């Protein structure tokens, strides 16, 4: 009887080890990267640290853990061009906020339906506007520029760079939205093309330094933005990938506006900022 008891007790550590191993196998870690610059209110801080108040999109992606059992999110922050490169090599499993362009389909995966990009499973919608000094005449009519000798600044790695080049203007690629606005004040560019939700925040926050700048209407473009997944992650986890994109759609509808509100209502933030959770507007891609 004593020998049987000893034998039983000997199996307990092995059982616990196997149980822990099974739990570890069942848990999937999604390593997600986003830019190390502010994109108000979606992610905050010009830093590679994930802040305590990280931004509405970061909070939304973190909520995937509550919607999908055994999914854990790990965040990293890098320059946007590096985020794209790391997605291509599979060093990260996902990136956000990423707009769609055909070149990016070579480096990662978007949500699709019937073989086409599925904007219903976007994370958010953002507009690009031109910003210039108040006395500038850019000749922008919503579809084309009247002059082709313009020099426009835009952040390196952003999809708007290629879009501007396709419109026939010269583009100065810069490190950040803030630097773009500084170049504009210094009159080194005729205009800058920026996500208006970010540019308006920077102009409000730095009103004493970034003076005399106006937003030009109509917008350059309005685009859906996605959580992209790496080709490697999608191939290894096809069903989970669809679950993730489906959960992003539901979280955007149910939570994004509420998650954004604390950032929008904080003193010193631009009151005209609106977070889009509903239908896409015209000029979207």
C-alpha atoms as a PDB file:
ATOM      1  CA  UNK A   1       0.000   0.000   0.000  1.00  0.00           C
ATOM      2  CA  UNK A   2       2.839   2.351   0.893  1.00  0.00           C
ATOM      3  CA  UNK A   3       4.597   1.586  -2.389  1.00  0.00           C
ATOM      4  CA  UNK A   4       1.445   2.444  -4.336  1.00  0.00           C
ATOM      5  CA  UNK A   5       1.130   5.726  -2.461  1.00  0.00           C
ATOM      6  CA  UNK A   6       4.751   6.621  -3.233  1.00  0.00           C
ATOM      7  CA  UNK A   7       4.231   5.749  -6.884  1.00  0.00           C
ATOM      8  CA  UNK A   8       1.130   7.973  -7.023  1.00  0.00           C
ATOM      9  CA  UNK A   9       2.957  10.880  -5.396  1.00  0.00           C
ATOM     10  CA  UNK A  10       5.810  10.504  -7.856  1.00  0.00           C
ATOM     11  CA  UNK A  11       3.408  11.080 -10.751  1.00  0.00           C
ATOM     12  CA  UNK A  12       2.079  14.379  -9.375  1.00  0.00           C
ATOM     13  CA  UNK A  13       5.021  16.605 -10.487  1.00  0.00           C
ATOM     14  CA  UNK A  14       4.925  15.027 -13.951  1.00  0.00           C
ATOM     15  CA  UNK A  15       1.177  15.604 -14.207  1.00  0.00           C
ATOM     16  CA  UNK A  16       1.549  19.222 -13.203  1.00  0.00           C
ATOM     17  CA  UNK A  17       4.349  19.675 -15.738  1.00  0.00           C
ATOM     18  CA  UNK A  18       2.264  18.204 -18.550  1.00  0.00           C
ATOM     19  CA  UNK A  19      -0.733  20.350 -17.602  1.00  0.00           C
ATOM     20  CA  UNK A  20       1.396  23.499 -17.664  1.00  0.00           C
ATOM     21  CA  UNK A  21       2.862  22.489 -21.017  1.00  0.00           C
ATOM     22  CA  UNK A  22      -0.596  21.959 -22.490  1.00  0.00           C
ATOM     23  CA  UNK A  23      -1.698  25.393 -21.257  1.00  0.00           C
ATOM     24  CA  UNK A  24       1.378  26.985 -22.793  1.00  0.00           C
ATOM     25  CA  UNK A  25       0.684  25.307 -26.128  1.00  0.00           C
ATOM     26  CA  UNK A  26      -2.949  26.423 -26.071  1.00  0.00           C
ATOM     27  CA  UNK A  27      -2.030  30.100 -25.553  1.00  0.00           C
ATOM     28  CA  UNK A  28      -1.170  32.074 -28.698  1.00  0.00           C
ATOM     29  CA  UNK A  29       0.851  35.273 -28.399  1.00  0.00           C
ATOM     30  CA  UNK A  30       0.151  37.885 -31.079  1.00  0.00           C
ATOM     31  CA  UNK A  31       3.163  40.215 -31.299  1.00  0.00           C
ATOM     32  CA  UNK A  32       1.839  43.490 -32.680  1.00  0.00           C
ATOM     33  CA  UNK A  33       3.872  46.572 -33.632  1.00  0.00           C
ATOM     34  CA  UNK A  34       2.780  50.160 -34.066  1.00  0.00           C
ATOM     35  CA  UNK A  35       4.531  53.440 -34.816  1.00  0.00           C
ATOM     36  CA  UNK A  36       6.740  55.188 -32.262  1.00  0.00           C
ATOM     37  CA  UNK A  37       5.120  58.548 -33.062  1.00  0.00           C
ATOM     38  CA  UNK A  38       1.828  60.033 -31.875  1.00  0.00           C
ATOM     39  CA  UNK A  39      -1.210  59.349 -34.032  1.00  0.00           C
ATOM     40  CA  UNK A  40      -3.806  61.077 -31.890  1.00  0.00           C
ATOM     41  CA  UNK A  41      -5.971  59.616 -30.397  1.00  0.00           C
ATOM     42  CA  UNK A  42      -5.038  56.159 -31.657  1.00  0.00           C
ATOM     43  CA  UNK A  43      -1.552  55.934 -30.159  1.00  0.00           C
ATOM     44  CA  UNK A  44       0.211  58.419 -27.968  1.00  0.00           C
ATOM     45  CA  UNK A  45       3.775  59.526 -27.319  1.00  0.00           C
ATOM     46  CA  UNK A  46       6.868  59.980 -29.479  1.00  0.00           C
ATOM     47  CA  UNK A  47       8.599  57.046 -27.836  1.00  0.00           C
ATOM     48  CA  UNK A  48       9.244  53.332 -28.215  1.00  0.00           C
ATOM     49  CA  UNK A  49       7.602  52.729 -24.849  1.00  0.00           C
ATOM     50  CA  UNK A  50       4.007  51.531 -24.562  1.00  0.00           C
ATOM     51  CA  UNK A  51       2.525  54.211 -22.335  1.00  0.00           C
ATOM     52  CA  UNK A  52       0.071  53.758 -19.474  1.00  0.00           C
ATOM     53  CA  UNK A  53      -2.448  55.752 -21.543  1.00  0.00           C
ATOM     54  CA  UNK A  54      -1.358  54.265 -24.861  1.00  0.00           C
ATOM     55  CA  UNK A  55      -4.118  55.456 -27.194  1.00  0.00           C
ATOM     56  CA  UNK A  56      -7.536  54.267 -28.323  1.00  0.00           C
ATOM     57  CA  UNK A  57      -6.340  51.864 -31.038  1.00  0.00           C
ATOM     58  CA  UNK A  58      -3.824  50.237 -28.689  1.00  0.00           C
ATOM     59  CA  UNK A  59      -6.546  49.751 -26.099  1.00  0.00           C
ATOM     60  CA  UNK A  60      -8.861  48.301 -28.740  1.00  0.00           C
ATOM     61  CA  UNK A  61      -6.268  45.762 -29.921  1.00  0.00           C
ATOM     62  CA  UNK A  62      -5.586  44.781 -26.307  1.00  0.00           C
ATOM     63  CA  UNK A  63      -9.303  44.010 -25.917  1.00  0.00           C
ATOM     64  CA  UNK A  64      -8.869  41.160 -28.409  1.00  0.00           C
ATOM     65  CA  UNK A  65      -7.694  39.137 -25.417  1.00  0.00           C
ATOM     66  CA  UNK A  66     -11.203  39.403 -23.936  1.00  0.00           C
ATOM     67  CA  UNK A  67     -12.914  38.393 -27.174  1.00  0.00           C
ATOM     68  CA  UNK A  68     -10.675  35.482 -28.183  1.00  0.00           C
ATOM     69  CA  UNK A  69      -9.849  32.804 -25.570  1.00  0.00           C
ATOM     70  CA  UNK A  70      -6.146  31.977 -25.091  1.00  0.00           C
ATOM     71  CA  UNK A  71      -4.973  34.931 -27.201  1.00  0.00           C
ATOM     72  CA  UNK A  72      -2.379  37.210 -25.620  1.00  0.00           C
ATOM     73  CA  UNK A  73      -1.216  40.505 -27.136  1.00  0.00           C
ATOM     74  CA  UNK A  74       2.376  41.754 -26.946  1.00  0.00           C
ATOM     75  CA  UNK A  75       3.104  45.280 -28.168  1.00  0.00           C
ATOM     76  CA  UNK A  76       6.267  46.854 -29.603  1.00  0.00           C
ATOM     77  CA  UNK A  77       6.853  50.304 -31.102  1.00  0.00           C
ATOM     78  CA  UNK A  78       9.184  51.168 -33.978  1.00  0.00           C
ATOM     79  CA  UNK A  79       9.478  53.691 -36.802  1.00  0.00           C
ATOM     80  CA  UNK A  80       6.675  52.926 -39.252  1.00  0.00           C
ATOM     81  CA  UNK A  81       8.962  51.794 -42.074  1.00  0.00           C
ATOM     82  CA  UNK A  82      10.568  49.297 -39.702  1.00  0.00           C
ATOM     83  CA  UNK A  83       7.125  48.040 -38.663  1.00  0.00           C
ATOM     84  CA  UNK A  84       6.443  47.252 -42.328  1.00  0.00           C
ATOM     85  CA  UNK A  85       9.810  45.517 -42.755  1.00  0.00           C
ATOM     86  CA  UNK A  86       9.333  43.411 -39.621  1.00  0.00           C
ATOM     87  CA  UNK A  87       5.866  42.354 -40.784  1.00  0.00           C
ATOM     88  CA  UNK A  88       7.341  41.135 -44.061  1.00  0.00           C
ATOM     89  CA  UNK A  89       9.987  39.009 -42.340  1.00  0.00           C
ATOM     90  CA  UNK A  90       7.592  37.695 -39.696  1.00  0.00           C
ATOM     91  CA  UNK A  91       9.486  39.336 -36.826  1.00  0.00           C
ATOM     92  CA  UNK A  92       6.105  40.688 -35.729  1.00  0.00           C
ATOM     93  CA  UNK A  93       2.720  39.060 -36.270  1.00  0.00           C
ATOM     94  CA  UNK A  94       0.731  42.231 -36.943  1.00  0.00           C
ATOM     95  CA  UNK A  95       0.889  46.007 -37.377  1.00  0.00           C
ATOM     96  CA  UNK A  96      -1.609  48.866 -37.135  1.00  0.00           C
ATOM     97  CA  UNK A  97      -2.878  51.361 -38.272  1.00  0.00           C
ATOM     98  CA  UNK A  98      -2.145  50.304 -41.856  1.00  0.00           C
ATOM     99  CA  UNK A  99      -4.017  51.607 -44.884  1.00  0.00           C
ATOM    100  CA  UNK A 100      -4.361  49.475 -47.984  1.00  0.00           C
ATOM    101  CA  UNK A 101      -2.153  49.678 -51.016  1.00  0.00           C
ATOM    102  CA  UNK A 102      -1.248  46.978 -53.515  1.00  0.00           C
ATOM    103  CA  UNK A 103       2.465  47.010 -52.634  1.00  0.00           C
ATOM    104  CA  UNK A 104       1.702  46.039 -49.051  1.00  0.00           C
ATOM    105  CA  UNK A 105      -0.099  42.874 -50.156  1.00  0.00           C
ATOM    106  CA  UNK A 106       3.386  41.469 -50.837  1.00  0.00           C
ATOM    107  CA  UNK A 107       4.457  41.879 -47.226  1.00  0.00           C
ATOM    108  CA  UNK A 108       1.354  41.019 -45.216  1.00  0.00           C
ATOM    109  CA  UNK A 109      -2.306  40.119 -45.091  1.00  0.00           C
ATOM    110  CA  UNK A 110      -5.478  42.228 -44.970  1.00  0.00           C
ATOM    111  CA  UNK A 111      -8.957  40.959 -44.086  1.00  0.00           C
ATOM    112  CA  UNK A 112     -10.717  39.794 -47.226  1.00  0.00           C
ATOM    113  CA  UNK A 113     -14.165  38.723 -48.358  1.00  0.00           C
ATOM    114  CA  UNK A 114     -14.683  36.850 -51.623  1.00  0.00           C
ATOM    115  CA  UNK A 115     -11.087  37.608 -52.547  1.00  0.00           C
ATOM    116  CA  UNK A 116     -11.441  41.383 -52.088  1.00  0.00           C
ATOM    117  CA  UNK A 117     -10.278  43.635 -49.263  1.00  0.00           C
ATOM    118  CA  UNK A 118     -13.012  43.775 -46.624  1.00  0.00           C
ATOM    119  CA  UNK A 119     -13.339  47.360 -45.301  1.00  0.00           C
ATOM    120  CA  UNK A 120     -16.062  46.270 -42.881  1.00  0.00           C
ATOM    121  CA  UNK A 121     -13.260  44.730 -40.801  1.00  0.00           C
ATOM    122  CA  UNK A 122     -11.141  47.877 -40.706  1.00  0.00           C
ATOM    123  CA  UNK A 123      -9.915  49.252 -37.396  1.00  0.00           C
ATOM    124  CA  UNK A 124     -10.780  52.876 -38.200  1.00  0.00           C
ATOM    125  CA  UNK A 125     -11.067  55.494 -40.968  1.00  0.00           C
ATOM    126  CA  UNK A 126      -8.702  58.469 -41.346  1.00  0.00           C
ATOM    127  CA  UNK A 127      -8.512  61.392 -43.784  1.00  0.00           C
ATOM    128  CA  UNK A 128      -5.402  62.963 -45.275  1.00  0.00           C
ATOM    129  CA  UNK A 129      -5.393  66.738 -45.795  1.00  0.00           C
ATOM    130  CA  UNK A 130      -2.930  69.193 -47.217  1.00  0.00           C
ATOM    131  CA  UNK A 131      -1.606  71.836 -44.836  1.00  0.00           C
ATOM    132  CA  UNK A 132       0.022  75.039 -46.047  1.00  0.00           C
ATOM    133  CA  UNK A 133       0.840  78.553 -44.944  1.00  0.00           C
ATOM    134  CA  UNK A 134      -2.171  80.831 -45.159  1.00  0.00           C
ATOM    135  CA  UNK A 135      -0.922  82.756 -48.216  1.00  0.00           C
ATOM    136  CA  UNK A 136      -0.156  79.687 -50.354  1.00  0.00           C
ATOM    137  CA  UNK A 137      -2.030  78.797 -53.540  1.00  0.00           C
ATOM    138  CA  UNK A 138      -1.741  75.059 -54.162  1.00  0.00           C
ATOM    139  CA  UNK A 139      -4.353  74.715 -56.888  1.00  0.00           C
ATOM    140  CA  UNK A 140      -5.808  71.534 -55.364  1.00  0.00           C
ATOM    141  CA  UNK A 141      -9.326  70.796 -56.663  1.00  0.00           C
ATOM    142  CA  UNK A 142      -9.927  67.468 -54.933  1.00  0.00           C
ATOM    143  CA  UNK A 143      -8.637  65.379 -57.828  1.00  0.00           C
ATOM    144  CA  UNK A 144      -5.498  67.039 -59.193  1.00  0.00           C
ATOM    145  CA  UNK A 145      -3.048  69.894 -58.749  1.00  0.00           C
ATOM    146  CA  UNK A 146      -3.086  72.733 -61.253  1.00  0.00           C
ATOM    147  CA  UNK A 147       0.688  73.122 -60.868  1.00  0.00           C
ATOM    148  CA  UNK A 148       3.207  70.269 -61.026  1.00  0.00           C
ATOM    149  CA  UNK A 149       6.203  72.137 -59.573  1.00  0.00           C
ATOM    150  CA  UNK A 150       5.020  71.808 -55.972  1.00  0.00           C
ATOM    151  CA  UNK A 151       7.156  70.248 -53.263  1.00  0.00           C
ATOM    152  CA  UNK A 152       5.105  68.504 -50.584  1.00  0.00           C
ATOM    153  CA  UNK A 153       6.347  66.957 -47.362  1.00  0.00           C
ATOM    154  CA  UNK A 154       5.015  63.639 -46.053  1.00  0.00           C
ATOM    155  CA  UNK A 155       6.145  61.083 -43.438  1.00  0.00           C
ATOM    156  CA  UNK A 156       8.493  58.346 -44.626  1.00  0.00           C
ATOM    157  CA  UNK A 157       6.799  54.992 -45.267  1.00  0.00           C
ATOM    158  CA  UNK A 158       3.254  56.393 -45.293  1.00  0.00           C
ATOM    159  CA  UNK A 159       1.012  55.341 -48.190  1.00  0.00           C
ATOM    160  CA  UNK A 160       0.274  58.964 -49.090  1.00  0.00           C
ATOM    161  CA  UNK A 161       3.831  59.337 -50.456  1.00  0.00           C
ATOM    162  CA  UNK A 162       3.114  57.074 -53.431  1.00  0.00           C
ATOM    163  CA  UNK A 163      -0.320  58.657 -53.916  1.00  0.00           C
ATOM    164  CA  UNK A 164       1.238  62.130 -54.174  1.00  0.00           C
ATOM    165  CA  UNK A 165       3.903  60.907 -56.574  1.00  0.00           C
ATOM    166  CA  UNK A 166       1.154  59.443 -58.754  1.00  0.00           C
ATOM    167  CA  UNK A 167      -0.384  62.946 -58.835  1.00  0.00           C
ATOM    168  CA  UNK A 168       2.852  64.263 -60.322  1.00  0.00           C
ATOM    169  CA  UNK A 169       4.257  66.320 -57.446  1.00  0.00           C
ATOM    170  CA  UNK A 170       7.663  66.115 -55.779  1.00  0.00           C
ATOM    171  CA  UNK A 171       7.596  64.603 -52.289  1.00  0.00           C
ATOM    172  CA  UNK A 172      10.061  65.293 -49.491  1.00  0.00           C
ATOM    173  CA  UNK A 173      10.015  62.273 -47.173  1.00  0.00           C
ATOM    174  CA  UNK A 174      10.510  63.182 -43.523  1.00  0.00           C
ATOM    175  CA  UNK A 175      10.759  61.332 -40.208  1.00  0.00           C
ATOM    176  CA  UNK A 176       7.490  62.423 -38.641  1.00  0.00           C
ATOM    177  CA  UNK A 177       4.351  64.535 -38.921  1.00  0.00           C
ATOM    178  CA  UNK A 178       5.839  67.049 -36.498  1.00  0.00           C
ATOM    179  CA  UNK A 179       8.952  67.477 -38.641  1.00  0.00           C
ATOM    180  CA  UNK A 180       6.743  67.965 -41.706  1.00  0.00           C
ATOM    181  CA  UNK A 181       5.008  70.903 -40.032  1.00  0.00           C
ATOM    182  CA  UNK A 182       8.334  72.382 -38.917  1.00  0.00           C
ATOM    183  CA  UNK A 183       9.603  72.261 -42.513  1.00  0.00           C
ATOM    184  CA  UNK A 184       6.432  74.007 -43.633  1.00  0.00           C
ATOM    185  CA  UNK A 185       6.936  76.850 -41.146  1.00  0.00           C
ATOM    186  CA  UNK A 186      10.545  77.131 -42.383  1.00  0.00           C
ATOM    187  CA  UNK A 187       9.176  77.372 -45.978  1.00  0.00           C
ATOM    188  CA  UNK A 188      11.233  74.412 -47.164  1.00  0.00           C
ATOM    189  CA  UNK A 189       8.100  72.833 -48.679  1.00  0.00           C
ATOM    190  CA  UNK A 190       4.996  74.308 -50.301  1.00  0.00           C
ATOM    191  CA  UNK A 191       2.668  72.097 -48.270  1.00  0.00           C
ATOM    192  CA  UNK A 192       2.559  68.920 -46.209  1.00  0.00           C
ATOM    193  CA  UNK A 193       0.222  65.943 -46.547  1.00  0.00           C
ATOM    194  CA  UNK A 194      -0.758  64.558 -43.154  1.00  0.00           C
ATOM    195  CA  UNK A 195      -3.426  62.543 -41.437  1.00  0.00           C
ATOM    196  CA  UNK A 196      -5.642  65.370 -40.273  1.00  0.00           C
ATOM    197  CA  UNK A 197      -6.463  63.763 -36.920  1.00  0.00           C
ATOM    198  CA  UNK A 198      -2.737  63.841 -36.074  1.00  0.00           C
ATOM    199  CA  UNK A 199      -1.897  67.192 -37.673  1.00  0.00           C
ATOM    200  CA  UNK A 200      -4.744  69.004 -35.918  1.00  0.00           C
ATOM    201  CA  UNK A 201      -3.565  67.608 -32.589  1.00  0.00           C
ATOM    202  CA  UNK A 202       0.029  68.745 -33.212  1.00  0.00           C
ATOM    203  CA  UNK A 203      -1.064  72.213 -34.325  1.00  0.00           C
ATOM    204  CA  UNK A 204      -3.191  72.624 -31.220  1.00  0.00           C
ATOM    205  CA  UNK A 205      -0.492  71.305 -28.901  1.00  0.00           C
ATOM    206  CA  UNK A 206       2.265  73.468 -30.461  1.00  0.00           C
ATOM    207  CA  UNK A 207       0.239  76.575 -31.325  1.00  0.00           C
ATOM    208  CA  UNK A 208       3.036  78.908 -30.223  1.00  0.00           C
ATOM    209  CA  UNK A 209       5.578  77.337 -32.598  1.00  0.00           C
ATOM    210  CA  UNK A 210       3.544  76.121 -35.581  1.00  0.00           C
ATOM    211  CA  UNK A 211       1.843  79.372 -36.546  1.00  0.00           C
ATOM    212  CA  UNK A 212       0.148  80.530 -39.736  1.00  0.00           C
ATOM    213  CA  UNK A 213      -0.745  77.000 -40.926  1.00  0.00           C
ATOM    214  CA  UNK A 214      -4.144  76.211 -42.447  1.00  0.00           C
ATOM    215  CA  UNK A 215      -5.833  72.985 -43.498  1.00  0.00           C
ATOM    216  CA  UNK A 216      -6.791  72.789 -47.179  1.00  0.00           C
ATOM    217  CA  UNK A 217     -10.144  71.402 -48.322  1.00  0.00           C
ATOM    218  CA  UNK A 218     -11.254  69.075 -49.821  1.00  0.00           C
ATOM    219  CA  UNK A 219      -9.216  66.231 -48.295  1.00  0.00           C
ATOM    220  CA  UNK A 220      -6.614  64.414 -50.354  1.00  0.00           C
ATOM    221  CA  UNK A 221      -8.080  61.019 -49.434  1.00  0.00           C
ATOM    222  CA  UNK A 222     -10.134  59.232 -46.829  1.00  0.00           C
ATOM    223  CA  UNK A 223      -8.957  55.695 -46.160  1.00  0.00           C
ATOM    224  CA  UNK A 224      -9.853  52.659 -44.068  1.00  0.00           C
ATOM    225  CA  UNK A 225      -7.064  51.522 -41.750  1.00  0.00           C
ATOM    226  CA  UNK A 226      -6.476  47.918 -40.734  1.00  0.00           C
ATOM    227  CA  UNK A 227      -4.738  45.561 -38.370  1.00  0.00           C
ATOM    228  CA  UNK A 228      -2.500  43.768 -40.889  1.00  0.00           C
ATOM    229  CA  UNK A 229      -1.232  40.274 -40.084  1.00  0.00           C
ATOM    230  CA  UNK A 230       1.983  38.705 -41.296  1.00  0.00           C
ATOM    231  CA  UNK A 231       1.815  36.105 -44.037  1.00  0.00           C
ATOM    232  CA  UNK A 232       3.541  33.676 -41.669  1.00  0.00           C
ATOM    233  CA  UNK A 233       0.979  34.136 -38.879  1.00  0.00           C
ATOM    234  CA  UNK A 234      -1.959  33.900 -41.289  1.00  0.00           C
ATOM    235  CA  UNK A 235      -0.607  30.686 -42.851  1.00  0.00           C
ATOM    236  CA  UNK A 236      -0.047  29.089 -39.441  1.00  0.00           C
ATOM    237  CA  UNK A 237      -3.332  30.341 -37.929  1.00  0.00           C
ATOM    238  CA  UNK A 238      -5.924  30.800 -40.698  1.00  0.00           C
ATOM    239  CA  UNK A 239      -9.020  30.402 -38.502  1.00  0.00           C
ATOM    240  CA  UNK A 240      -7.599  32.497 -35.671  1.00  0.00           C
ATOM    241  CA  UNK A 241      -6.714  35.252 -38.148  1.00  0.00           C
ATOM    242  CA  UNK A 242     -10.337  35.462 -39.282  1.00  0.00           C
ATOM    243  CA  UNK A 243     -11.453  35.516 -35.639  1.00  0.00           C
ATOM    244  CA  UNK A 244      -9.103  38.412 -34.948  1.00  0.00           C
ATOM    245  CA  UNK A 245     -10.388  40.496 -37.873  1.00  0.00           C
ATOM    246  CA  UNK A 246     -14.003  39.713 -36.983  1.00  0.00           C
ATOM    247  CA  UNK A 247     -13.343  40.814 -33.407  1.00  0.00           C
ATOM    248  CA  UNK A 248     -11.713  44.041 -34.647  1.00  0.00           C
ATOM    249  CA  UNK A 249     -14.920  44.830 -36.562  1.00  0.00           C
ATOM    250  CA  UNK A 250     -17.082  44.306 -33.492  1.00  0.00           C
ATOM    251  CA  UNK A 251     -14.762  46.210 -31.181  1.00  0.00           C
ATOM    252  CA  UNK A 252     -14.646  49.152 -33.587  1.00  0.00           C
ATOM    253  CA  UNK A 253     -18.433  49.333 -33.644  1.00  0.00           C
ATOM    254  CA  UNK A 254     -18.902  48.797 -29.916  1.00  0.00           C
ATOM    255  CA  UNK A 255     -15.855  50.334 -28.244  1.00  0.00           C
ATOM    256  CA  UNK A 256     -13.732  52.672 -30.388  1.00  0.00           C
ATOM    257  CA  UNK A 257     -15.733  55.837 -29.788  1.00  0.00           C
ATOM    258  CA  UNK A 258     -15.827  55.243 -26.034  1.00  0.00           C
ATOM    259  CA  UNK A 259     -12.121  54.373 -25.925  1.00  0.00           C
ATOM    260  CA  UNK A 260     -11.288  57.580 -27.812  1.00  0.00           C
ATOM    261  CA  UNK A 261     -13.387  59.896 -25.666  1.00  0.00           C
ATOM    262  CA  UNK A 262     -10.985  60.228 -22.698  1.00  0.00           C
ATOM    263  CA  UNK A 263      -8.249  61.380 -25.079  1.00  0.00           C
ATOM    264  CA  UNK A 264     -10.553  63.729 -26.999  1.00  0.00           C
ATOM    265  CA  UNK A 265     -11.980  65.332 -23.873  1.00  0.00           C
ATOM    266  CA  UNK A 266      -8.654  65.963 -22.171  1.00  0.00           C
ATOM    267  CA  UNK A 267      -7.917  69.710 -21.904  1.00  0.00           C
ATOM    268  CA  UNK A 268      -5.699  70.934 -24.725  1.00  0.00           C
ATOM    269  CA  UNK A 269      -6.862  68.458 -27.340  1.00  0.00           C
ATOM    270  CA  UNK A 270      -8.540  69.718 -30.516  1.00  0.00           C
ATOM    271  CA  UNK A 271     -12.305  69.868 -30.109  1.00  0.00           C
ATOM    272  CA  UNK A 272     -12.998  69.453 -33.837  1.00  0.00           C
ATOM    273  CA  UNK A 273     -11.490  65.952 -33.927  1.00  0.00           C
ATOM    274  CA  UNK A 274     -14.014  63.218 -34.734  1.00  0.00           C
ATOM    275  CA  UNK A 275     -13.264  59.504 -34.599  1.00  0.00           C
ATOM    276  CA  UNK A 276     -14.906  57.657 -37.452  1.00  0.00           C
ATOM    277  CA  UNK A 277     -16.512  54.322 -36.621  1.00  0.00           C
ATOM    278  CA  UNK A 278     -19.279  54.227 -39.203  1.00  0.00           C
ATOM    279  CA  UNK A 279     -19.511  54.277 -42.990  1.00  0.00           C
ATOM    280  CA  UNK A 280     -16.610  55.231 -45.192  1.00  0.00           C
ATOM    281  CA  UNK A 281     -16.804  58.618 -46.878  1.00  0.00           C
ATOM    282  CA  UNK A 282     -16.096  59.564 -50.480  1.00  0.00           C
ATOM    283  CA  UNK A 283     -12.588  59.319 -51.949  1.00  0.00           C
ATOM    284  CA  UNK A 284     -11.900  56.261 -49.787  1.00  0.00           C
ATOM    285  CA  UNK A 285      -9.618  53.497 -51.029  1.00  0.00           C
END
